[in-house]
PDB file of N, CA and C in Angstrom:
ATOM      1  N   MET A   1     -77.139 -91.023 124.249  1.00  0.00           N
ATOM      2  CA  MET A   1     -76.917 -89.606 124.406  1.00  0.00           C
ATOM      3  C   MET A   1     -77.294 -88.919 123.098  1.00  0.00           C
ATOM      4  N   PHE A   2     -77.978 -87.802 123.222  1.00  0.00           N
ATOM      5  CA  PHE A   2     -78.301 -86.962 122.077  1.00  0.00           C
ATOM      6  C   PHE A   2     -77.876 -85.544 122.425  1.00  0.00           C
ATOM      7  N   ALA A   3     -77.030 -84.953 121.600  1.00  0.00           N
ATOM      8  CA  ALA A   3     -76.573 -83.573 121.813  1.00  0.00           C
ATOM      9  C   ALA A   3     -76.908 -82.785 120.564  1.00  0.00           C
ATOM     10  N   SER A   4     -77.579 -81.675 120.764  1.00  0.00           N
ATOM     11  CA  SER A   4     -77.967 -80.838 119.644  1.00  0.00           C
ATOM     12  C   SER A   4     -77.568 -79.398 119.931  1.00  0.00           C
ATOM     13  N   ALA A   5     -77.202 -78.670 118.888  1.00  0.00           N
ATOM     14  CA  ALA A   5     -76.896 -77.249 119.027  1.00  0.00           C
ATOM     15  C   ALA A   5     -78.153 -76.426 118.808  1.00  0.00           C
ATOM     16  N   ASN A   6     -79.279 -77.058 118.750  1.00  0.00           N
ATOM     17  CA  ASN A   6     -80.516 -76.399 118.382  1.00  0.00           C
ATOM     18  C   ASN A   6     -81.601 -76.720 119.405  1.00  0.00           C
ATOM     19  N   GLN A   7     -82.133 -75.709 120.065  1.00  0.00           N
ATOM     20  CA  GLN A   7     -83.188 -75.927 121.056  1.00  0.00           C
ATOM     21  C   GLN A   7     -84.439 -76.526 120.420  1.00  0.00           C
ATOM     22  N   LYS A   8     -84.747 -76.128 119.184  1.00  0.00           N
ATOM     23  CA  LYS A   8     -85.930 -76.676 118.507  1.00  0.00           C
ATOM     24  C   LYS A   8     -85.802 -78.178 118.306  1.00  0.00           C
ATOM     25  N   ALA A   9     -84.596 -78.650 117.967  1.00  0.00           N
ATOM     26  CA  ALA A   9     -84.386 -80.096 117.797  1.00  0.00           C
ATOM     27  C   ALA A   9     -84.576 -80.811 119.126  1.00  0.00           C
ATOM     28  N   MET A  10     -84.100 -80.195 120.205  1.00  0.00           N
ATOM     29  CA  MET A  10     -84.284 -80.802 121.532  1.00  0.00           C
ATOM     30  C   MET A  10     -85.759 -80.801 121.920  1.00  0.00           C
ATOM     31  N   ASP A  11     -86.461 -79.718 121.614  1.00  0.00           N
ATOM     32  CA  ASP A  11     -87.897 -79.654 121.904  1.00  0.00           C
ATOM     33  C   ASP A  11     -88.650 -80.735 121.132  1.00  0.00           C
ATOM     34  N   LYS A  12     -88.258 -80.942 119.878  1.00  0.00           N
ATOM     35  CA  LYS A  12     -88.894 -81.980 119.058  1.00  0.00           C
ATOM     36  C   LYS A  12     -88.620 -83.360 119.643  1.00  0.00           C
ATOM     37  N   ALA A  13     -87.383 -83.603 120.069  1.00  0.00           N
ATOM     38  CA  ALA A  13     -87.041 -84.891 120.678  1.00  0.00           C
ATOM     39  C   ALA A  13     -87.859 -85.121 121.942  1.00  0.00           C
ATOM     40  N   ALA A  14     -88.049 -84.069 122.724  1.00  0.00           N
ATOM     41  CA  ALA A  14     -88.857 -84.194 123.946  1.00  0.00           C
ATOM     42  C   ALA A  14     -90.320 -84.461 123.594  1.00  0.00           C
ATOM     43  N   ALA A  15     -90.846 -83.744 122.597  1.00  0.00           N
ATOM     44  CA  ALA A  15     -92.242 -83.920 122.189  1.00  0.00           C
ATOM     45  C   ALA A  15     -92.502 -85.317 121.649  1.00  0.00           C
ATOM     46  N   GLU A  16     -91.500 -85.890 120.980  1.00  0.00           N
ATOM     47  CA  GLU A  16     -91.640 -87.231 120.424  1.00  0.00           C
ATOM     48  C   GLU A  16     -91.258 -88.317 121.426  1.00  0.00           C
ATOM     49  N   ILE A  17     -90.944 -87.889 122.619  1.00  0.00           N
ATOM     50  CA  ILE A  17     -90.608 -88.780 123.739  1.00  0.00           C
ATOM     51  C   ILE A  17     -89.471 -89.727 123.385  1.00  0.00           C
ATOM     52  N   VAL A  18     -88.415 -89.179 122.776  1.00  0.00           N
ATOM     53  CA  VAL A  18     -87.231 -89.980 122.488  1.00  0.00           C
ATOM     54  C   VAL A  18     -86.084 -89.632 123.443  1.00  0.00           C
ATOM     55  N   ILE A  19     -86.352 -88.713 124.351  1.00  0.00           N
ATOM     56  CA  ILE A  19     -85.406 -88.414 125.432  1.00  0.00           C
ATOM     57  C   ILE A  19     -86.175 -88.429 126.746  1.00  0.00           C
ATOM     58  N   VAL A  20     -85.454 -88.607 127.827  1.00  0.00           N
ATOM     59  CA  VAL A  20     -86.053 -88.526 129.155  1.00  0.00           C
ATOM     60  C   VAL A  20     -85.958 -87.062 129.570  1.00  0.00           C
ATOM     61  N   PRO A  21     -87.102 -86.358 129.673  1.00  0.00           N
ATOM     62  CA  PRO A  21     -87.071 -84.916 129.928  1.00  0.00           C
ATOM     63  C   PRO A  21     -86.211 -84.499 131.124  1.00  0.00           C
ATOM     64  N   ALA A  22     -86.195 -85.279 132.173  1.00  0.00           N
ATOM     65  CA  ALA A  22     -85.419 -84.921 133.373  1.00  0.00           C
ATOM     66  C   ALA A  22     -83.918 -84.959 133.125  1.00  0.00           C
ATOM     67  N   THR A  23     -83.493 -85.610 132.050  1.00  0.00           N
ATOM     68  CA  THR A  23     -82.054 -85.704 131.766  1.00  0.00           C
ATOM     69  C   THR A  23     -81.575 -84.608 130.818  1.00  0.00           C
ATOM     70  N   ARG A  24     -82.479 -83.784 130.340  1.00  0.00           N
ATOM     71  CA  ARG A  24     -82.117 -82.716 129.402  1.00  0.00           C
ATOM     72  C   ARG A  24     -81.330 -81.628 130.134  1.00  0.00           C
ATOM     73  N   LYS A  25     -80.159 -81.335 129.609  1.00  0.00           N
ATOM     74  CA  LYS A  25     -79.282 -80.333 130.223  1.00  0.00           C
ATOM     75  C   LYS A  25     -78.651 -79.470 129.144  1.00  0.00           C
ATOM     76  N   ASP A  26     -78.559 -78.176 129.401  1.00  0.00           N
ATOM     77  CA  ASP A  26     -77.776 -77.288 128.543  1.00  0.00           C
ATOM     78  C   ASP A  26     -76.331 -77.393 129.005  1.00  0.00           C
ATOM     79  N   PHE A  27     -75.419 -77.690 128.082  1.00  0.00           N
ATOM     80  CA  PHE A  27     -74.012 -77.823 128.459  1.00  0.00           C
ATOM     81  C   PHE A  27     -73.095 -76.921 127.642  1.00  0.00           C
ATOM     82  N   ALA A  28     -73.676 -76.184 126.713  1.00  0.00           N
ATOM     83  CA  ALA A  28     -72.890 -75.268 125.885  1.00  0.00           C
ATOM     84  C   ALA A  28     -73.815 -74.159 125.394  1.00  0.00           C
ATOM     85  N   ALA A  29     -73.220 -73.093 124.904  1.00  0.00           N
ATOM     86  CA  ALA A  29     -74.002 -71.975 124.387  1.00  0.00           C
ATOM     87  C   ALA A  29     -73.267 -71.320 123.234  1.00  0.00           C
ATOM     88  N   ASN A  30     -74.006 -70.617 122.414  1.00  0.00           N
ATOM     89  CA  ASN A  30     -73.430 -69.862 121.310  1.00  0.00           C
ATOM     90  C   ASN A  30     -73.571 -68.380 121.597  1.00  0.00           C
ATOM     91  N   SER A  31     -72.695 -67.611 121.014  1.00  0.00           N
ATOM     92  CA  SER A  31     -72.865 -66.162 121.030  1.00  0.00           C
ATOM     93  C   SER A  31     -72.286 -65.620 119.734  1.00  0.00           C
ATOM     94  N   LEU A  32     -72.891 -64.555 119.254  1.00  0.00           N
ATOM     95  CA  LEU A  32     -72.407 -63.940 118.029  1.00  0.00           C
ATOM     96  C   LEU A  32     -71.201 -63.072 118.341  1.00  0.00           C
ATOM     97  N   VAL A  33     -70.198 -63.151 117.520  1.00  0.00           N
ATOM     98  CA  VAL A  33     -69.010 -62.314 117.669  1.00  0.00           C
ATOM     99  C   VAL A  33     -68.645 -61.752 116.300  1.00  0.00           C
ATOM    100  N   LEU A  34     -68.018 -60.604 116.312  1.00  0.00           N
ATOM    101  CA  LEU A  34     -67.502 -60.016 115.076  1.00  0.00           C
ATOM    102  C   LEU A  34     -66.008 -60.286 115.032  1.00  0.00           C
ATOM    103  N   ILE A  35     -65.541 -60.836 113.933  1.00  0.00           N
ATOM    104  CA  ILE A  35     -64.113 -61.106 113.746  1.00  0.00           C
ATOM    105  C   ILE A  35     -63.653 -60.307 112.544  1.00  0.00           C
ATOM    106  N   VAL A  36     -62.615 -59.528 112.738  1.00  0.00           N
ATOM    107  CA  VAL A  36     -62.093 -58.678 111.658  1.00  0.00           C
ATOM    108  C   VAL A  36     -60.590 -58.863 111.565  1.00  0.00           C
ATOM    109  N   PRO A  37     -60.018 -58.585 110.404  1.00  0.00           N
ATOM    110  CA  PRO A  37     -58.561 -58.668 110.281  1.00  0.00           C
ATOM    111  C   PRO A  37     -57.877 -57.691 111.244  1.00  0.00           C
ATOM    112  N   ALA A  38     -56.713 -58.061 111.727  1.00  0.00           N
ATOM    113  CA  ALA A  38     -55.985 -57.227 112.687  1.00  0.00           C
ATOM    114  C   ALA A  38     -55.576 -55.888 112.097  1.00  0.00           C
ATOM    115  N   ASP A  39     -55.344 -55.829 110.792  1.00  0.00           N
ATOM    116  CA  ASP A  39     -54.859 -54.592 110.179  1.00  0.00           C
ATOM    117  C   ASP A  39     -55.974 -53.742 109.571  1.00  0.00           C
ATOM    118  N   ILE A  40     -57.196 -53.976 109.958  1.00  0.00           N
ATOM    119  CA  ILE A  40     -58.315 -53.234 109.388  1.00  0.00           C
ATOM    120  C   ILE A  40     -58.315 -51.786 109.894  1.00  0.00           C
ATOM    121  N   ARG A  41     -58.702 -50.855 109.022  1.00  0.00           N
ATOM    122  CA  ARG A  41     -58.761 -49.440 109.419  1.00  0.00           C
ATOM    123  C   ARG A  41     -60.054 -49.125 110.158  1.00  0.00           C
ATOM    124  N   PHE A  42     -61.134 -49.786 109.786  1.00  0.00           N
ATOM    125  CA  PHE A  42     -62.431 -49.570 110.420  1.00  0.00           C
ATOM    126  C   PHE A  42     -62.831 -50.861 111.107  1.00  0.00           C
ATOM    127  N   ALA A  43     -62.885 -50.852 112.402  1.00  0.00           N
ATOM    128  CA  ALA A  43     -63.255 -52.055 113.137  1.00  0.00           C
ATOM    129  C   ALA A  43     -64.658 -51.887 113.725  1.00  0.00           C
ATOM    130  N   PRO A  44     -65.644 -52.615 113.199  1.00  0.00           N
ATOM    131  CA  PRO A  44     -66.989 -52.521 113.762  1.00  0.00           C
ATOM    132  C   PRO A  44     -67.005 -53.082 115.186  1.00  0.00           C
ATOM    133  N   VAL A  45     -67.766 -52.448 116.035  1.00  0.00           N
ATOM    134  CA  VAL A  45     -67.867 -52.919 117.421  1.00  0.00           C
ATOM    135  C   VAL A  45     -69.284 -53.372 117.763  1.00  0.00           C
ATOM    136  N   SER A  46     -70.226 -53.142 116.853  1.00  0.00           N
ATOM    137  CA  SER A  46     -71.598 -53.579 117.082  1.00  0.00           C
ATOM    138  C   SER A  46     -72.206 -54.007 115.749  1.00  0.00           C
ATOM    139  N   LEU A  47     -73.342 -54.686 115.816  1.00  0.00           N
ATOM    140  CA  LEU A  47     -74.012 -55.097 114.585  1.00  0.00           C
ATOM    141  C   LEU A  47     -74.423 -53.886 113.752  1.00  0.00           C
ATOM    142  N   ASN A  48     -74.788 -52.799 114.399  1.00  0.00           N
ATOM    143  CA  ASN A  48     -75.172 -51.593 113.654  1.00  0.00           C
ATOM    144  C   ASN A  48     -74.028 -51.086 112.780  1.00  0.00           C
ATOM    145  N   ASP A  49     -72.790 -51.272 113.231  1.00  0.00           N
ATOM    146  CA  ASP A  49     -71.633 -50.831 112.451  1.00  0.00           C
ATOM    147  C   ASP A  49     -71.498 -51.582 111.131  1.00  0.00           C
ATOM    148  N   LEU A  50     -72.134 -52.735 111.020  1.00  0.00           N
ATOM    149  CA  LEU A  50     -72.042 -53.510 109.781  1.00  0.00           C
ATOM    150  C   LEU A  50     -72.767 -52.821 108.621  1.00  0.00           C
ATOM    151  N   ALA A  51     -73.606 -51.840 108.928  1.00  0.00           N
ATOM    152  CA  ALA A  51     -74.304 -51.098 107.878  1.00  0.00           C
ATOM    153  C   ALA A  51     -73.425 -50.013 107.262  1.00  0.00           C
ATOM    154  N   SER A  52     -72.239 -49.817 107.796  1.00  0.00           N
ATOM    155  CA  SER A  52     -71.326 -48.797 107.295  1.00  0.00           C
ATOM    156  C   SER A  52     -70.846 -49.127 105.890  1.00  0.00           C
ATOM    157  N   ALA A  53     -70.606 -48.091 105.103  1.00  0.00           N
ATOM    158  CA  ALA A  53     -70.054 -48.276 103.758  1.00  0.00           C
ATOM    159  C   ALA A  53     -68.653 -48.869 103.808  1.00  0.00           C
ATOM    160  N   ASN A  54     -68.001 -48.790 104.961  1.00  0.00           N
ATOM    161  CA  ASN A  54     -66.660 -49.368 105.122  1.00  0.00           C
ATOM    162  C   ASN A  54     -66.680 -50.893 105.135  1.00  0.00           C
ATOM    163  N   VAL A  55     -67.823 -51.481 105.417  1.00  0.00           N
ATOM    164  CA  VAL A  55     -67.946 -52.942 105.480  1.00  0.00           C
ATOM    165  C   VAL A  55     -68.298 -53.451 104.090  1.00  0.00           C
ATOM    166  N   LYS A  56     -67.436 -54.263 103.542  1.00  0.00           N
ATOM    167  CA  LYS A  56     -67.618 -54.774 102.175  1.00  0.00           C
ATOM    168  C   LYS A  56     -68.181 -56.191 102.139  1.00  0.00           C
ATOM    169  N   ARG A  57     -67.950 -56.957 103.183  1.00  0.00           N
ATOM    170  CA  ARG A  57     -68.339 -58.362 103.169  1.00  0.00           C
ATOM    171  C   ARG A  57     -68.645 -58.824 104.591  1.00  0.00           C
ATOM    172  N   VAL A  58     -69.681 -59.634 104.729  1.00  0.00           N
ATOM    173  CA  VAL A  58     -70.033 -60.251 106.004  1.00  0.00           C
ATOM    174  C   VAL A  58     -70.230 -61.737 105.713  1.00  0.00           C
ATOM    175  N   ALA A  59     -69.616 -62.583 106.494  1.00  0.00           N
ATOM    176  CA  ALA A  59     -69.769 -64.029 106.317  1.00  0.00           C
ATOM    177  C   ALA A  59     -70.298 -64.643 107.604  1.00  0.00           C
ATOM    178  N   TYR A  60     -71.147 -65.646 107.453  1.00  0.00           N
ATOM    179  CA  TYR A  60     -71.661 -66.365 108.621  1.00  0.00           C
ATOM    180  C   TYR A  60     -72.071 -67.762 108.189  1.00  0.00           C
ATOM    181  N   GLY A  61     -72.347 -68.611 109.166  1.00  0.00           N
ATOM    182  CA  GLY A  61     -72.698 -70.000 108.876  1.00  0.00           C
ATOM    183  C   GLY A  61     -73.992 -70.108 108.083  1.00  0.00           C
ATOM    184  N   ASP A  62     -74.134 -71.159 107.336  1.00  0.00           N
ATOM    185  CA  ASP A  62     -75.302 -71.394 106.498  1.00  0.00           C
ATOM    186  C   ASP A  62     -76.557 -71.576 107.363  1.00  0.00           C
ATOM    187  N   PRO A  63     -77.520 -70.659 107.253  1.00  0.00           N
ATOM    188  CA  PRO A  63     -78.740 -70.770 108.061  1.00  0.00           C
ATOM    189  C   PRO A  63     -79.522 -72.065 107.815  1.00  0.00           C
ATOM    190  N   ALA A  64     -79.340 -72.667 106.649  1.00  0.00           N
ATOM    191  CA  ALA A  64     -80.059 -73.906 106.333  1.00  0.00           C
ATOM    192  C   ALA A  64     -79.481 -75.110 107.063  1.00  0.00           C
ATOM    193  N   SER A  65     -78.238 -74.985 107.559  1.00  0.00           N
ATOM    194  CA  SER A  65     -77.631 -76.184 108.140  1.00  0.00           C
ATOM    195  C   SER A  65     -77.060 -76.026 109.542  1.00  0.00           C
ATOM    196  N   VAL A  66     -76.833 -74.812 110.013  1.00  0.00           N
ATOM    197  CA  VAL A  66     -76.271 -74.672 111.365  1.00  0.00           C
ATOM    198  C   VAL A  66     -77.041 -73.628 112.162  1.00  0.00           C
ATOM    199  N   PRO A  67     -77.333 -73.908 113.424  1.00  0.00           N
ATOM    200  CA  PRO A  67     -78.088 -72.962 114.247  1.00  0.00           C
ATOM    201  C   PRO A  67     -77.441 -71.574 114.332  1.00  0.00           C
ATOM    202  N   ILE A  68     -76.128 -71.504 114.475  1.00  0.00           N
ATOM    203  CA  ILE A  68     -75.502 -70.189 114.600  1.00  0.00           C
ATOM    204  C   ILE A  68     -75.700 -69.367 113.326  1.00  0.00           C
ATOM    205  N   GLY A  69     -75.831 -70.031 112.183  1.00  0.00           N
ATOM    206  CA  GLY A  69     -76.145 -69.328 110.948  1.00  0.00           C
ATOM    207  C   GLY A  69     -77.535 -68.705 111.003  1.00  0.00           C
ATOM    208  N   ARG A  70     -78.488 -69.428 111.592  1.00  0.00           N
ATOM    209  CA  ARG A  70     -79.833 -68.884 111.748  1.00  0.00           C
ATOM    210  C   ARG A  70     -79.835 -67.716 112.727  1.00  0.00           C
ATOM    211  N   TYR A  71     -79.061 -67.833 113.814  1.00  0.00           N
ATOM    212  CA  TYR A  71     -78.989 -66.732 114.786  1.00  0.00           C
ATOM    213  C   TYR A  71     -78.381 -65.493 114.128  1.00  0.00           C
ATOM    214  N   ALA A  72     -77.312 -65.687 113.367  1.00  0.00           N
ATOM    215  CA  ALA A  72     -76.668 -64.557 112.699  1.00  0.00           C
ATOM    216  C   ALA A  72     -77.602 -63.933 111.672  1.00  0.00           C
ATOM    217  N   GLN A  73     -78.263 -64.766 110.895  1.00  0.00           N
ATOM    218  CA  GLN A  73     -79.195 -64.254 109.892  1.00  0.00           C
ATOM    219  C   GLN A  73     -80.309 -63.448 110.571  1.00  0.00           C
ATOM    220  N   GLY A  74     -80.840 -63.962 111.663  1.00  0.00           N
ATOM    221  CA  GLY A  74     -81.891 -63.248 112.383  1.00  0.00           C
ATOM    222  C   GLY A  74     -81.415 -61.902 112.914  1.00  0.00           C
ATOM    223  N   ALA A  75     -80.202 -61.887 113.475  1.00  0.00           N
ATOM    224  CA  ALA A  75     -79.654 -60.635 113.999  1.00  0.00           C
ATOM    225  C   ALA A  75     -79.435 -59.625 112.881  1.00  0.00           C
ATOM    226  N   LEU A  76     -78.942 -60.088 111.734  1.00  0.00           N
ATOM    227  CA  LEU A  76     -78.714 -59.188 110.602  1.00  0.00           C
ATOM    228  C   LEU A  76     -80.028 -58.688 110.013  1.00  0.00           C
ATOM    229  N   GLN A  77     -81.033 -59.528 109.989  1.00  0.00           N
ATOM    230  CA  GLN A  77     -82.340 -59.101 109.472  1.00  0.00           C
ATOM    231  C   GLN A  77     -82.969 -58.054 110.396  1.00  0.00           C
ATOM    232  N   GLU A  78     -82.771 -58.203 111.695  1.00  0.00           N
ATOM    233  CA  GLU A  78     -83.262 -57.216 112.644  1.00  0.00           C
ATOM    234  C   GLU A  78     -82.558 -55.878 112.451  1.00  0.00           C
ATOM    235  N   LEU A  79     -81.291 -55.934 112.065  1.00  0.00           N
ATOM    236  CA  LEU A  79     -80.493 -54.730 111.825  1.00  0.00           C
ATOM    237  C   LEU A  79     -81.073 -53.965 110.668  1.00  0.00           C
TER     238      LEU A  79
END
C-alpha cells in the first residue's frame, strides 16, 4: 500500500509503474480553513480579509515538506 497526500507523488508512482493504476483511489482530501482565536475582535472570513491591517500573523504548513503548505502558499500568492 502506498498513501500520499500529494497528487504529484501519486502521478510519479504511476508513471514509474510502481503502483497498479486500477487500484489508485482518492480516500481523503484537504481544504484550506482559517482558524482564529475565539476572542479576536476582527475575524477574517475569506482569504482577501488576510490583507487587512488587523491581521498581524499568518501561519501555515511548510511548503517544502507538506502538500497543504504548498496549497496555502499558492492561495496566498494568488491573493
